[in-house]
Amino acid sequence: MRVVTFGEIMLRLATPARLRFSQAKELELTYGGGEANVAVSLANFGFDASFVTRLPRNPFGDGAINVLRGFGVDTSFIARGGERIGIYFLETGASQRPSVVVYDRAGSAIAQVGSGEFDWSVIFKDADWFHFTGITPALGPQVAAATKEACRAAKEAGLTVSCDLNYRKKLWSPAQAQETMTELMEWVDVAIGNEEDAEKVFGIKAQGADITSGHVASAGYEQVARTLSERFHLQSVAITLRESRSADENGWSAMLLHQGQVLHSRKYDIRIVDRVGGGDSFAGGLIYGLLASKSGQDTLEFAVAASCLKHSISGDFNMVTVAEVEHLAAGDASGRVQR
């Protein structure tokens, strides 16, 4: 199976040992970004994964490409140009102190992409699936136009299209998100979101939920999924459900509306090492399960288990195998040493 993802990969600079920005004397350099994270997951699961973006011709653009290649991601369709790579700074929270992300991505290479930058007919040849997130069109009108062009070409080529809504308030307003994403949903088959996305992007609120207290109302999210499915004629809708008890401890589960049936996963109580990329690891697991022809319930359990494991791994990328995910999904959450 071959999956194509399109978006921005950024330079990640994180404080070590959960230090605050004001305390840190050095920053840890890695790379990450929504669609790149999904591509890495799928490559680790044994699929052919191609990541499409635009990167500058400098050591950081080269570094991002080399890291992706190291995980087996196809980078042959990455355009080179622009002056800089986007950056995000991460201060990892602890206990009741939340993590903080500061973006420095204005004017990045991909933000200058427009229609006609990529030959999607060539990129989608022999592909089965196209994935993007709501972060990409939020980078600016030109990138939104390029995303629309990609979605249209993907459907013309017969691909399944998935979108992780991924609302980011630091990139655009709910009104801007709703206007742009409503148009893009015309080509989407599978939608993925978290507790807030549907409300922020489409004004669809889960009744009875309170994300600040960590209360998740299952019935409310079932209705959110059905409303999304009916409004945009979707094949499947997945919603991750995070019970945020603190920056260190979360309850983690998800629900899936698939072929008209509402499915619920088991819930994991997780102690977090790094939650960045948690939603992307879920998306990668969901895409894998659907393309591997797993049942709806098995697909959901695989996706939640994959994301549960990601929370134990530092960095954006989910560096786990299919066997490791299936072992957890089968019920062994003991964390015992494997000899």
C-alpha atoms as a PDB file:
ATOM      1  CA  MET A   1       0.000   0.000   0.000  1.00  0.00           C
ATOM      2  CA  ARG A   2       1.190   3.517  -0.774  1.00  0.00           C
ATOM      3  CA  VAL A   3       0.178   6.639   1.170  1.00  0.00           C
ATOM      4  CA  VAL A   4       0.987  10.254   0.280  1.00  0.00           C
ATOM      5  CA  THR A   5       0.969  13.006   2.915  1.00  0.00           C
ATOM      6  CA  PHE A   6       1.322  16.759   2.360  1.00  0.00           C
ATOM      7  CA  GLY A   7       2.278  19.405   4.891  1.00  0.00           C
ATOM      8  CA  GLU A   8       5.049  21.150   6.784  1.00  0.00           C
ATOM      9  CA  ILE A   9       7.952  19.565   8.595  1.00  0.00           C
ATOM     10  CA  MET A  10       9.569  21.869  11.119  1.00  0.00           C
ATOM     11  CA  LEU A  11      12.715  22.155  13.148  1.00  0.00           C
ATOM     12  CA  ARG A  12      11.819  21.302  16.747  1.00  0.00           C
ATOM     13  CA  LEU A  13      13.832  22.922  19.536  1.00  0.00           C
ATOM     14  CA  ALA A  14      12.851  21.572  22.947  1.00  0.00           C
ATOM     15  CA  THR A  15      14.047  22.324  26.452  1.00  0.00           C
ATOM     16  CA  PRO A  16      15.696  19.269  28.062  1.00  0.00           C
ATOM     17  CA  ALA A  17      14.593  17.669  31.327  1.00  0.00           C
ATOM     18  CA  ARG A  18      11.312  19.625  31.405  1.00  0.00           C
ATOM     19  CA  LEU A  19      13.097  22.903  32.044  1.00  0.00           C
ATOM     20  CA  ARG A  20      11.293  26.170  31.409  1.00  0.00           C
ATOM     21  CA  PHE A  21      12.439  28.349  28.512  1.00  0.00           C
ATOM     22  CA  SER A  22      13.874  30.816  31.012  1.00  0.00           C
ATOM     23  CA  GLN A  23      15.976  28.073  32.630  1.00  0.00           C
ATOM     24  CA  ALA A  24      17.340  26.228  29.605  1.00  0.00           C
ATOM     25  CA  LYS A  25      20.960  26.746  28.538  1.00  0.00           C
ATOM     26  CA  GLU A  26      20.580  24.472  25.513  1.00  0.00           C
ATOM     27  CA  LEU A  27      17.823  23.118  23.285  1.00  0.00           C
ATOM     28  CA  GLU A  28      17.399  19.630  21.799  1.00  0.00           C
ATOM     29  CA  LEU A  29      17.093  19.668  17.996  1.00  0.00           C
ATOM     30  CA  THR A  30      14.814  17.241  16.195  1.00  0.00           C
ATOM     31  CA  TYR A  31      12.260  17.497  13.377  1.00  0.00           C
ATOM     32  CA  GLY A  32       8.523  16.975  13.213  1.00  0.00           C
ATOM     33  CA  GLY A  33       5.181  18.035  11.792  1.00  0.00           C
ATOM     34  CA  GLY A  34       1.709  16.544  11.459  1.00  0.00           C
ATOM     35  CA  GLU A  35       1.799  14.921   8.044  1.00  0.00           C
ATOM     36  CA  ALA A  36       5.493  14.006   8.292  1.00  0.00           C
ATOM     37  CA  ASN A  37       4.736  12.234  11.585  1.00  0.00           C
ATOM     38  CA  VAL A  38       2.009  10.193   9.880  1.00  0.00           C
ATOM     39  CA  ALA A  39       4.354   9.276   7.032  1.00  0.00           C
ATOM     40  CA  VAL A  40       6.982   8.020   9.495  1.00  0.00           C
ATOM     41  CA  SER A  41       4.396   5.898  11.324  1.00  0.00           C
ATOM     42  CA  LEU A  42       3.235   4.282   8.109  1.00  0.00           C
ATOM     43  CA  ALA A  43       6.789   3.650   6.910  1.00  0.00           C
ATOM     44  CA  ASN A  44       7.520   1.964  10.253  1.00  0.00           C
ATOM     45  CA  PHE A  45       4.413  -0.174   9.712  1.00  0.00           C
ATOM     46  CA  GLY A  46       5.792  -1.363   6.372  1.00  0.00           C
ATOM     47  CA  PHE A  47       3.792   0.792   3.947  1.00  0.00           C
ATOM     48  CA  ASP A  48       5.261   2.904   1.161  1.00  0.00           C
ATOM     49  CA  ALA A  49       4.918   6.444   2.502  1.00  0.00           C
ATOM     50  CA  SER A  50       5.661   9.600   0.509  1.00  0.00           C
ATOM     51  CA  PHE A  51       5.869  13.005   2.144  1.00  0.00           C
ATOM     52  CA  VAL A  52       5.377  16.135   0.054  1.00  0.00           C
ATOM     53  CA  THR A  53       6.490  19.590   1.164  1.00  0.00           C
ATOM     54  CA  ARG A  54       8.826  22.442   0.256  1.00  0.00           C
ATOM     55  CA  LEU A  55      12.131  22.965   2.055  1.00  0.00           C
ATOM     56  CA  PRO A  56      14.989  25.436   1.697  1.00  0.00           C
ATOM     57  CA  ARG A  57      18.356  24.461   0.278  1.00  0.00           C
ATOM     58  CA  ASN A  58      20.275  24.762   3.516  1.00  0.00           C
ATOM     59  CA  PRO A  59      21.543  22.389   6.231  1.00  0.00           C
ATOM     60  CA  PHE A  60      18.197  22.338   8.030  1.00  0.00           C
ATOM     61  CA  GLY A  61      16.248  21.487   4.889  1.00  0.00           C
ATOM     62  CA  ASP A  62      18.808  18.778   4.168  1.00  0.00           C
ATOM     63  CA  GLY A  63      18.588  17.578   7.774  1.00  0.00           C
ATOM     64  CA  ALA A  64      14.805  17.174   7.623  1.00  0.00           C
ATOM     65  CA  ILE A  65      15.048  15.165   4.413  1.00  0.00           C
ATOM     66  CA  ASN A  66      17.815  12.953   5.760  1.00  0.00           C
ATOM     67  CA  VAL A  67      15.849  12.194   8.927  1.00  0.00           C
ATOM     68  CA  LEU A  68      12.783  11.198   6.893  1.00  0.00           C
ATOM     69  CA  ARG A  69      14.880   9.034   4.593  1.00  0.00           C
ATOM     70  CA  GLY A  70      16.342   7.337   7.642  1.00  0.00           C
ATOM     71  CA  PHE A  71      12.851   6.109   8.520  1.00  0.00           C
ATOM     72  CA  GLY A  72      12.183   4.902   4.987  1.00  0.00           C
ATOM     73  CA  VAL A  73       9.922   7.772   3.915  1.00  0.00           C
ATOM     74  CA  ASP A  74      10.018   8.649   0.205  1.00  0.00           C
ATOM     75  CA  THR A  75      11.210  12.259  -0.118  1.00  0.00           C
ATOM     76  CA  SER A  76      11.566  12.362  -3.904  1.00  0.00           C
ATOM     77  CA  PHE A  77       8.625  14.750  -4.355  1.00  0.00           C
ATOM     78  CA  ILE A  78       9.867  17.373  -1.888  1.00  0.00           C
ATOM     79  CA  ALA A  79      10.370  20.712  -3.633  1.00  0.00           C
ATOM     80  CA  ARG A  80      13.416  22.789  -2.747  1.00  0.00           C
ATOM     81  CA  GLY A  81      13.202  26.538  -2.414  1.00  0.00           C
ATOM     82  CA  GLY A  82      12.465  29.389  -0.048  1.00  0.00           C
ATOM     83  CA  GLU A  83      14.658  30.929   2.613  1.00  0.00           C
ATOM     84  CA  ARG A  84      13.876  29.059   5.817  1.00  0.00           C
ATOM     85  CA  ILE A  85      12.379  26.076   7.543  1.00  0.00           C
ATOM     86  CA  GLY A  86       9.617  26.613  10.082  1.00  0.00           C
ATOM     87  CA  ILE A  87      10.611  26.255  13.726  1.00  0.00           C
ATOM     88  CA  TYR A  88       8.708  25.414  16.856  1.00  0.00           C
ATOM     89  CA  PHE A  89       9.985  25.682  20.411  1.00  0.00           C
ATOM     90  CA  LEU A  90       8.678  23.245  23.002  1.00  0.00           C
ATOM     91  CA  GLU A  91       8.667  23.592  26.769  1.00  0.00           C
ATOM     92  CA  THR A  92       7.438  20.265  28.131  1.00  0.00           C
ATOM     93  CA  GLY A  93       5.089  20.656  31.072  1.00  0.00           C
ATOM     94  CA  ALA A  94       4.894  18.665  34.284  1.00  0.00           C
ATOM     95  CA  SER A  95       2.184  17.997  36.843  1.00  0.00           C
ATOM     96  CA  GLN A  96      -0.296  20.908  36.645  1.00  0.00           C
ATOM     97  CA  ARG A  97       2.022  23.049  34.477  1.00  0.00           C
ATOM     98  CA  PRO A  98       1.024  22.602  30.813  1.00  0.00           C
ATOM     99  CA  SER A  99       3.417  22.268  27.918  1.00  0.00           C
ATOM    100  CA  VAL A 100       3.980  25.408  25.864  1.00  0.00           C
ATOM    101  CA  VAL A 101       4.629  25.642  22.118  1.00  0.00           C
ATOM    102  CA  VAL A 102       5.974  28.808  20.483  1.00  0.00           C
ATOM    103  CA  TYR A 103       5.928  28.964  16.687  1.00  0.00           C
ATOM    104  CA  ASP A 104       8.459  30.707  14.483  1.00  0.00           C
ATOM    105  CA  ARG A 105       7.186  29.621  11.098  1.00  0.00           C
ATOM    106  CA  ALA A 106       6.115  32.824   9.294  1.00  0.00           C
ATOM    107  CA  GLY A 107       7.667  32.998   5.844  1.00  0.00           C
ATOM    108  CA  SER A 108       8.733  29.351   5.842  1.00  0.00           C
ATOM    109  CA  ALA A 109       9.396  27.637   2.534  1.00  0.00           C
ATOM    110  CA  ILE A 110       6.060  25.825   2.414  1.00  0.00           C
ATOM    111  CA  ALA A 111       4.106  28.976   3.329  1.00  0.00           C
ATOM    112  CA  GLN A 112       5.104  30.337  -0.085  1.00  0.00           C
ATOM    113  CA  VAL A 113       3.766  27.324  -1.980  1.00  0.00           C
ATOM    114  CA  GLY A 114       0.918  27.937  -4.392  1.00  0.00           C
ATOM    115  CA  SER A 115      -1.139  26.154  -7.018  1.00  0.00           C
ATOM    116  CA  GLY A 116       0.909  24.446  -9.686  1.00  0.00           C
ATOM    117  CA  GLU A 117       3.937  23.840  -7.432  1.00  0.00           C
ATOM    118  CA  PHE A 118       3.498  20.048  -7.519  1.00  0.00           C
ATOM    119  CA  ASP A 119       2.581  17.620 -10.287  1.00  0.00           C
ATOM    120  CA  TRP A 120      -0.035  15.708  -8.340  1.00  0.00           C
ATOM    121  CA  SER A 121      -0.863  13.377 -11.226  1.00  0.00           C
ATOM    122  CA  VAL A 122       2.680  12.045 -11.011  1.00  0.00           C
ATOM    123  CA  ILE A 123       2.789  12.065  -7.201  1.00  0.00           C
ATOM    124  CA  PHE A 124      -0.461  10.090  -6.903  1.00  0.00           C
ATOM    125  CA  LYS A 125       0.457   7.446  -9.477  1.00  0.00           C
ATOM    126  CA  ASP A 126      -0.024   3.996  -7.898  1.00  0.00           C
ATOM    127  CA  ALA A 127      -1.015   5.588  -4.570  1.00  0.00           C
ATOM    128  CA  ASP A 128      -3.936   4.373  -2.468  1.00  0.00           C
ATOM    129  CA  TRP A 129      -4.410   7.121   0.123  1.00  0.00           C
ATOM    130  CA  PHE A 130      -3.843  10.870   0.604  1.00  0.00           C
ATOM    131  CA  HIS A 131      -3.613  12.486   4.024  1.00  0.00           C
ATOM    132  CA  PHE A 132      -3.419  16.113   5.161  1.00  0.00           C
ATOM    133  CA  THR A 133      -4.273  18.070   8.291  1.00  0.00           C
ATOM    134  CA  GLY A 134      -6.011  21.327   9.053  1.00  0.00           C
ATOM    135  CA  ILE A 135      -2.630  22.809   9.938  1.00  0.00           C
ATOM    136  CA  THR A 136      -1.508  22.931   6.305  1.00  0.00           C
ATOM    137  CA  PRO A 137      -4.238  25.188   4.829  1.00  0.00           C
ATOM    138  CA  ALA A 138      -3.928  27.352   7.961  1.00  0.00           C
ATOM    139  CA  LEU A 139      -0.445  28.398   6.807  1.00  0.00           C
ATOM    140  CA  GLY A 140      -1.955  30.864   4.340  1.00  0.00           C
ATOM    141  CA  PRO A 141      -4.270  31.290   1.334  1.00  0.00           C
ATOM    142  CA  GLN A 142      -1.618  30.053  -1.121  1.00  0.00           C
ATOM    143  CA  VAL A 143      -1.084  26.839   0.827  1.00  0.00           C
ATOM    144  CA  ALA A 144      -4.838  26.373   1.159  1.00  0.00           C
ATOM    145  CA  ALA A 145      -5.094  26.624  -2.631  1.00  0.00           C
ATOM    146  CA  ALA A 146      -2.336  24.020  -3.035  1.00  0.00           C
ATOM    147  CA  THR A 147      -4.129  21.724  -0.564  1.00  0.00           C
ATOM    148  CA  LYS A 148      -7.371  22.084  -2.502  1.00  0.00           C
ATOM    149  CA  GLU A 149      -5.524  21.248  -5.710  1.00  0.00           C
ATOM    150  CA  ALA A 150      -4.060  18.129  -4.088  1.00  0.00           C
ATOM    151  CA  CYS A 151      -7.437  16.964  -2.756  1.00  0.00           C
ATOM    152  CA  ARG A 152      -9.115  17.367  -6.114  1.00  0.00           C
ATOM    153  CA  ALA A 153      -6.322  15.469  -7.876  1.00  0.00           C
ATOM    154  CA  ALA A 154      -6.399  12.705  -5.264  1.00  0.00           C
ATOM    155  CA  LYS A 155     -10.108  12.093  -5.794  1.00  0.00           C
ATOM    156  CA  GLU A 156      -9.696  12.179  -9.564  1.00  0.00           C
ATOM    157  CA  ALA A 157      -7.000   9.513  -9.182  1.00  0.00           C
ATOM    158  CA  GLY A 158      -9.332   7.348  -7.079  1.00  0.00           C
ATOM    159  CA  LEU A 159      -7.530   7.734  -3.743  1.00  0.00           C
ATOM    160  CA  THR A 160      -9.143   7.714  -0.322  1.00  0.00           C
ATOM    161  CA  VAL A 161      -8.611  11.121   1.326  1.00  0.00           C
ATOM    162  CA  SER A 162      -8.250  11.601   5.074  1.00  0.00           C
ATOM    163  CA  CYS A 163      -8.025  14.812   7.066  1.00  0.00           C
ATOM    164  CA  ASP A 164      -7.049  15.354  10.677  1.00  0.00           C
ATOM    165  CA  LEU A 165      -8.874  18.594  11.505  1.00  0.00           C
ATOM    166  CA  ASN A 166      -6.089  19.700  13.891  1.00  0.00           C
ATOM    167  CA  TYR A 167      -7.305  23.195  14.774  1.00  0.00           C
ATOM    168  CA  ARG A 168      -4.462  25.512  15.842  1.00  0.00           C
ATOM    169  CA  LYS A 169      -5.625  28.795  17.364  1.00  0.00           C
ATOM    170  CA  LYS A 170      -2.168  30.335  16.923  1.00  0.00           C
ATOM    171  CA  LEU A 171      -2.513  29.962  13.131  1.00  0.00           C
ATOM    172  CA  TRP A 172      -6.067  31.104  12.396  1.00  0.00           C
ATOM    173  CA  SER A 173      -9.455  31.946  13.881  1.00  0.00           C
ATOM    174  CA  PRO A 174     -12.435  29.567  14.066  1.00  0.00           C
ATOM    175  CA  ALA A 175     -14.189  31.628  11.373  1.00  0.00           C
ATOM    176  CA  GLN A 176     -11.213  31.345   9.016  1.00  0.00           C
ATOM    177  CA  ALA A 177     -10.907  27.640   9.723  1.00  0.00           C
ATOM    178  CA  GLN A 178     -14.586  26.982   9.085  1.00  0.00           C
ATOM    179  CA  GLU A 179     -14.606  28.827   5.764  1.00  0.00           C
ATOM    180  CA  THR A 180     -11.546  27.054   4.384  1.00  0.00           C
ATOM    181  CA  MET A 181     -12.094  23.594   5.836  1.00  0.00           C
ATOM    182  CA  THR A 182     -15.751  23.419   4.803  1.00  0.00           C
ATOM    183  CA  GLU A 183     -14.654  23.755   1.188  1.00  0.00           C
ATOM    184  CA  LEU A 184     -11.893  21.144   1.539  1.00  0.00           C
ATOM    185  CA  MET A 185     -14.224  18.613   3.171  1.00  0.00           C
ATOM    186  CA  GLU A 186     -15.887  18.124  -0.229  1.00  0.00           C
ATOM    187  CA  TRP A 187     -13.067  15.701  -1.086  1.00  0.00           C
ATOM    188  CA  VAL A 188     -12.558  14.049   2.318  1.00  0.00           C
ATOM    189  CA  ASP A 189     -13.617  10.460   3.032  1.00  0.00           C
ATOM    190  CA  VAL A 190     -12.194   9.952   6.535  1.00  0.00           C
ATOM    191  CA  ALA A 191     -12.140  12.692   9.171  1.00  0.00           C
ATOM    192  CA  ILE A 192     -10.117  12.601  12.369  1.00  0.00           C
ATOM    193  CA  GLY A 193     -10.389  15.014  15.279  1.00  0.00           C
ATOM    194  CA  ASN A 194      -9.981  15.444  19.008  1.00  0.00           C
ATOM    195  CA  GLU A 195     -12.317  16.744  21.699  1.00  0.00           C
ATOM    196  CA  GLU A 196     -12.076  20.352  20.487  1.00  0.00           C
ATOM    197  CA  ASP A 197     -11.614  20.224  16.726  1.00  0.00           C
ATOM    198  CA  ALA A 198     -15.197  19.780  15.574  1.00  0.00           C
ATOM    199  CA  GLU A 199     -16.360  22.599  17.835  1.00  0.00           C
ATOM    200  CA  LYS A 200     -13.613  25.050  16.864  1.00  0.00           C
ATOM    201  CA  VAL A 201     -13.711  24.323  13.125  1.00  0.00           C
ATOM    202  CA  PHE A 202     -17.383  23.553  12.478  1.00  0.00           C
ATOM    203  CA  GLY A 203     -19.220  24.712  15.599  1.00  0.00           C
ATOM    204  CA  ILE A 204     -20.270  21.144  16.487  1.00  0.00           C
ATOM    205  CA  LYS A 205     -20.046  20.784  20.276  1.00  0.00           C
ATOM    206  CA  ALA A 206     -20.201  17.571  22.287  1.00  0.00           C
ATOM    207  CA  GLN A 207     -22.949  17.956  24.858  1.00  0.00           C
ATOM    208  CA  GLY A 208     -21.880  17.238  28.432  1.00  0.00           C
ATOM    209  CA  ALA A 209     -18.121  17.402  27.791  1.00  0.00           C
ATOM    210  CA  ASP A 210     -15.698  19.580  29.746  1.00  0.00           C
ATOM    211  CA  ILE A 211     -12.139  19.255  28.471  1.00  0.00           C
ATOM    212  CA  THR A 212     -10.639  21.475  31.186  1.00  0.00           C
ATOM    213  CA  SER A 213     -11.862  19.107  33.910  1.00  0.00           C
ATOM    214  CA  GLY A 214     -10.956  16.032  31.885  1.00  0.00           C
ATOM    215  CA  HIS A 215     -14.580  14.884  31.537  1.00  0.00           C
ATOM    216  CA  VAL A 216     -15.337  13.063  28.292  1.00  0.00           C
ATOM    217  CA  ALA A 217     -18.995  12.517  27.379  1.00  0.00           C
ATOM    218  CA  SER A 218     -19.146   9.518  25.053  1.00  0.00           C
ATOM    219  CA  ALA A 219     -22.719  10.079  23.922  1.00  0.00           C
ATOM    220  CA  GLY A 220     -21.936  13.677  23.040  1.00  0.00           C
ATOM    221  CA  TYR A 221     -19.039  12.664  20.816  1.00  0.00           C
ATOM    222  CA  GLU A 222     -21.121   9.992  19.106  1.00  0.00           C
ATOM    223  CA  GLN A 223     -23.462  12.775  18.024  1.00  0.00           C
ATOM    224  CA  VAL A 224     -20.515  14.916  16.908  1.00  0.00           C
ATOM    225  CA  ALA A 225     -19.297  12.055  14.711  1.00  0.00           C
ATOM    226  CA  ARG A 226     -22.736  11.470  13.216  1.00  0.00           C
ATOM    227  CA  THR A 227     -23.213  15.170  12.521  1.00  0.00           C
ATOM    228  CA  LEU A 228     -19.845  15.394  10.765  1.00  0.00           C
ATOM    229  CA  SER A 229     -20.574  12.253   8.758  1.00  0.00           C
ATOM    230  CA  GLU A 230     -23.983  13.478   7.618  1.00  0.00           C
ATOM    231  CA  ARG A 231     -22.863  17.029   6.857  1.00  0.00           C
ATOM    232  CA  PHE A 232     -19.867  16.021   4.749  1.00  0.00           C
ATOM    233  CA  HIS A 233     -20.894  12.540   3.533  1.00  0.00           C
ATOM    234  CA  LEU A 234     -17.951  10.837   5.192  1.00  0.00           C
ATOM    235  CA  GLN A 235     -17.131   7.142   5.178  1.00  0.00           C
ATOM    236  CA  SER A 236     -15.613   7.206   8.663  1.00  0.00           C
ATOM    237  CA  VAL A 237     -15.134   9.652  11.533  1.00  0.00           C
ATOM    238  CA  ALA A 238     -12.651   9.057  14.361  1.00  0.00           C
ATOM    239  CA  ILE A 239     -12.404  11.166  17.514  1.00  0.00           C
ATOM    240  CA  THR A 240      -9.636  10.803  20.064  1.00  0.00           C
ATOM    241  CA  LEU A 241     -10.721  11.305  23.660  1.00  0.00           C
ATOM    242  CA  ARG A 242      -8.107  12.655  26.033  1.00  0.00           C
ATOM    243  CA  GLU A 243      -8.908  12.909  29.737  1.00  0.00           C
ATOM    244  CA  SER A 244      -6.296  15.455  30.815  1.00  0.00           C
ATOM    245  CA  ARG A 245      -5.804  14.888  34.517  1.00  0.00           C
ATOM    246  CA  SER A 246      -2.449  16.652  34.467  1.00  0.00           C
ATOM    247  CA  ALA A 247       0.466  17.255  32.104  1.00  0.00           C
ATOM    248  CA  ASP A 248       1.857  13.870  33.189  1.00  0.00           C
ATOM    249  CA  GLU A 249      -1.193  11.638  33.415  1.00  0.00           C
ATOM    250  CA  ASN A 250      -3.975  11.269  30.862  1.00  0.00           C
ATOM    251  CA  GLY A 251      -6.731   8.847  30.086  1.00  0.00           C
ATOM    252  CA  TRP A 252      -6.539   7.946  26.392  1.00  0.00           C
ATOM    253  CA  SER A 253      -9.207   6.356  24.209  1.00  0.00           C
ATOM    254  CA  ALA A 254     -11.111   6.986  20.985  1.00  0.00           C
ATOM    255  CA  MET A 255     -14.320   6.332  19.151  1.00  0.00           C
ATOM    256  CA  LEU A 256     -14.945   5.515  15.507  1.00  0.00           C
ATOM    257  CA  LEU A 257     -18.059   5.886  13.389  1.00  0.00           C
ATOM    258  CA  HIS A 258     -17.492   3.313  10.652  1.00  0.00           C
ATOM    259  CA  GLN A 259     -20.048   1.954   8.186  1.00  0.00           C
ATOM    260  CA  GLY A 260     -22.811   3.454  10.305  1.00  0.00           C
ATOM    261  CA  GLN A 261     -21.664   1.751  13.501  1.00  0.00           C
ATOM    262  CA  VAL A 262     -20.270   3.574  16.532  1.00  0.00           C
ATOM    263  CA  LEU A 263     -17.274   1.804  18.055  1.00  0.00           C
ATOM    264  CA  HIS A 264     -15.407   2.560  21.276  1.00  0.00           C
ATOM    265  CA  SER A 265     -11.852   1.571  22.165  1.00  0.00           C
ATOM    266  CA  ARG A 266     -10.424   0.421  25.453  1.00  0.00           C
ATOM    267  CA  LYS A 267      -9.013   3.222  27.606  1.00  0.00           C
ATOM    268  CA  TYR A 268      -5.373   3.506  28.594  1.00  0.00           C
ATOM    269  CA  ASP A 269      -4.104   5.354  31.641  1.00  0.00           C
ATOM    270  CA  ILE A 270      -0.842   6.810  30.378  1.00  0.00           C
ATOM    271  CA  ARG A 271       2.099   8.520  32.044  1.00  0.00           C
ATOM    272  CA  ILE A 272       3.396  10.917  29.428  1.00  0.00           C
ATOM    273  CA  VAL A 273       6.960  11.236  28.209  1.00  0.00           C
ATOM    274  CA  ASP A 274       6.029  13.383  25.177  1.00  0.00           C
ATOM    275  CA  ARG A 275       2.487  13.999  23.947  1.00  0.00           C
ATOM    276  CA  VAL A 276       3.439  15.967  20.814  1.00  0.00           C
ATOM    277  CA  GLY A 277       2.530  13.845  17.802  1.00  0.00           C
ATOM    278  CA  GLY A 278       0.028  11.779  19.779  1.00  0.00           C
ATOM    279  CA  GLY A 279      -2.831  12.582  17.418  1.00  0.00           C
ATOM    280  CA  ASP A 280      -0.646  11.978  14.369  1.00  0.00           C
ATOM    281  CA  SER A 281       0.308   8.529  15.663  1.00  0.00           C
ATOM    282  CA  PHE A 282      -3.403   7.770  16.033  1.00  0.00           C
ATOM    283  CA  ALA A 283      -4.014   8.900  12.445  1.00  0.00           C
ATOM    284  CA  GLY A 284      -1.165   6.705  11.204  1.00  0.00           C
ATOM    285  CA  GLY A 285      -2.580   3.715  13.045  1.00  0.00           C
ATOM    286  CA  LEU A 286      -6.087   4.371  11.744  1.00  0.00           C
ATOM    287  CA  ILE A 287      -4.906   4.634   8.137  1.00  0.00           C
ATOM    288  CA  TYR A 288      -2.860   1.461   8.536  1.00  0.00           C
ATOM    289  CA  GLY A 289      -5.802  -0.480   9.949  1.00  0.00           C
ATOM    290  CA  LEU A 290      -8.229   0.634   7.259  1.00  0.00           C
ATOM    291  CA  LEU A 291      -5.789  -0.089   4.431  1.00  0.00           C
ATOM    292  CA  ALA A 292      -4.852  -3.451   5.969  1.00  0.00           C
ATOM    293  CA  SER A 293      -8.557  -4.398   5.864  1.00  0.00           C
ATOM    294  CA  LYS A 294      -8.846  -4.830   9.617  1.00  0.00           C
ATOM    295  CA  SER A 295     -12.325  -4.739  11.082  1.00  0.00           C
ATOM    296  CA  GLY A 296     -13.563  -1.411  12.353  1.00  0.00           C
ATOM    297  CA  GLN A 297     -13.022  -2.430  15.982  1.00  0.00           C
ATOM    298  CA  ASP A 298      -9.544  -3.845  15.316  1.00  0.00           C
ATOM    299  CA  THR A 299      -8.611  -0.710  13.359  1.00  0.00           C
ATOM    300  CA  LEU A 300      -9.679   1.488  16.263  1.00  0.00           C
ATOM    301  CA  GLU A 301      -7.844  -0.610  18.857  1.00  0.00           C
ATOM    302  CA  PHE A 302      -4.691  -0.602  16.719  1.00  0.00           C
ATOM    303  CA  ALA A 303      -4.804   3.182  16.311  1.00  0.00           C
ATOM    304  CA  VAL A 304      -5.338   3.837  20.029  1.00  0.00           C
ATOM    305  CA  ALA A 305      -2.598   1.379  21.032  1.00  0.00           C
ATOM    306  CA  ALA A 306      -0.173   2.942  18.545  1.00  0.00           C
ATOM    307  CA  SER A 307      -0.861   6.372  19.979  1.00  0.00           C
ATOM    308  CA  CYS A 308      -0.628   5.111  23.552  1.00  0.00           C
ATOM    309  CA  LEU A 309       2.898   3.877  22.792  1.00  0.00           C
ATOM    310  CA  LYS A 310       3.825   7.190  21.143  1.00  0.00           C
ATOM    311  CA  HIS A 311       3.223   9.000  24.428  1.00  0.00           C
ATOM    312  CA  SER A 312       6.164   7.036  25.840  1.00  0.00           C
ATOM    313  CA  ILE A 313       8.589   8.202  23.119  1.00  0.00           C
ATOM    314  CA  SER A 314      10.424  11.519  23.030  1.00  0.00           C
ATOM    315  CA  GLY A 315      10.137  13.489  19.797  1.00  0.00           C
ATOM    316  CA  ASP A 316       7.381  13.876  17.220  1.00  0.00           C
ATOM    317  CA  PHE A 317       7.822  10.492  15.532  1.00  0.00           C
ATOM    318  CA  ASN A 318       6.200   7.235  16.647  1.00  0.00           C
ATOM    319  CA  MET A 319       9.044   4.738  16.451  1.00  0.00           C
ATOM    320  CA  VAL A 320       7.141   1.495  16.981  1.00  0.00           C
ATOM    321  CA  THR A 321       6.453  -1.604  14.909  1.00  0.00           C
ATOM    322  CA  VAL A 322       3.220  -3.352  13.960  1.00  0.00           C
ATOM    323  CA  ALA A 323       4.135  -6.238  16.271  1.00  0.00           C
ATOM    324  CA  GLU A 324       4.600  -3.905  19.245  1.00  0.00           C
ATOM    325  CA  VAL A 325       1.269  -2.190  18.610  1.00  0.00           C
ATOM    326  CA  GLU A 326      -0.602  -5.457  18.153  1.00  0.00           C
ATOM    327  CA  HIS A 327       0.961  -6.832  21.339  1.00  0.00           C
ATOM    328  CA  LEU A 328      -0.468  -3.913  23.318  1.00  0.00           C
ATOM    329  CA  ALA A 329      -3.800  -3.962  21.481  1.00  0.00           C
ATOM    330  CA  ALA A 330      -4.129  -7.655  22.348  1.00  0.00           C
ATOM    331  CA  GLY A 331      -4.177  -6.728  26.013  1.00  0.00           C
ATOM    332  CA  ASP A 332      -0.629  -6.819  27.381  1.00  0.00           C
ATOM    333  CA  ALA A 333      -0.172  -3.374  28.920  1.00  0.00           C
ATOM    334  CA  SER A 334       2.117  -4.614  31.691  1.00  0.00           C
ATOM    335  CA  GLY A 335       5.264  -2.944  30.349  1.00  0.00           C
ATOM    336  CA  ARG A 336       7.292  -5.995  31.453  1.00  0.00           C
ATOM    337  CA  VAL A 337      10.847  -6.322  30.162  1.00  0.00           C
ATOM    338  CA  GLN A 338      10.928  -8.221  26.874  1.00  0.00           C
ATOM    339  CA  ARG A 339      13.757 -10.812  26.885  1.00  0.00           C
END
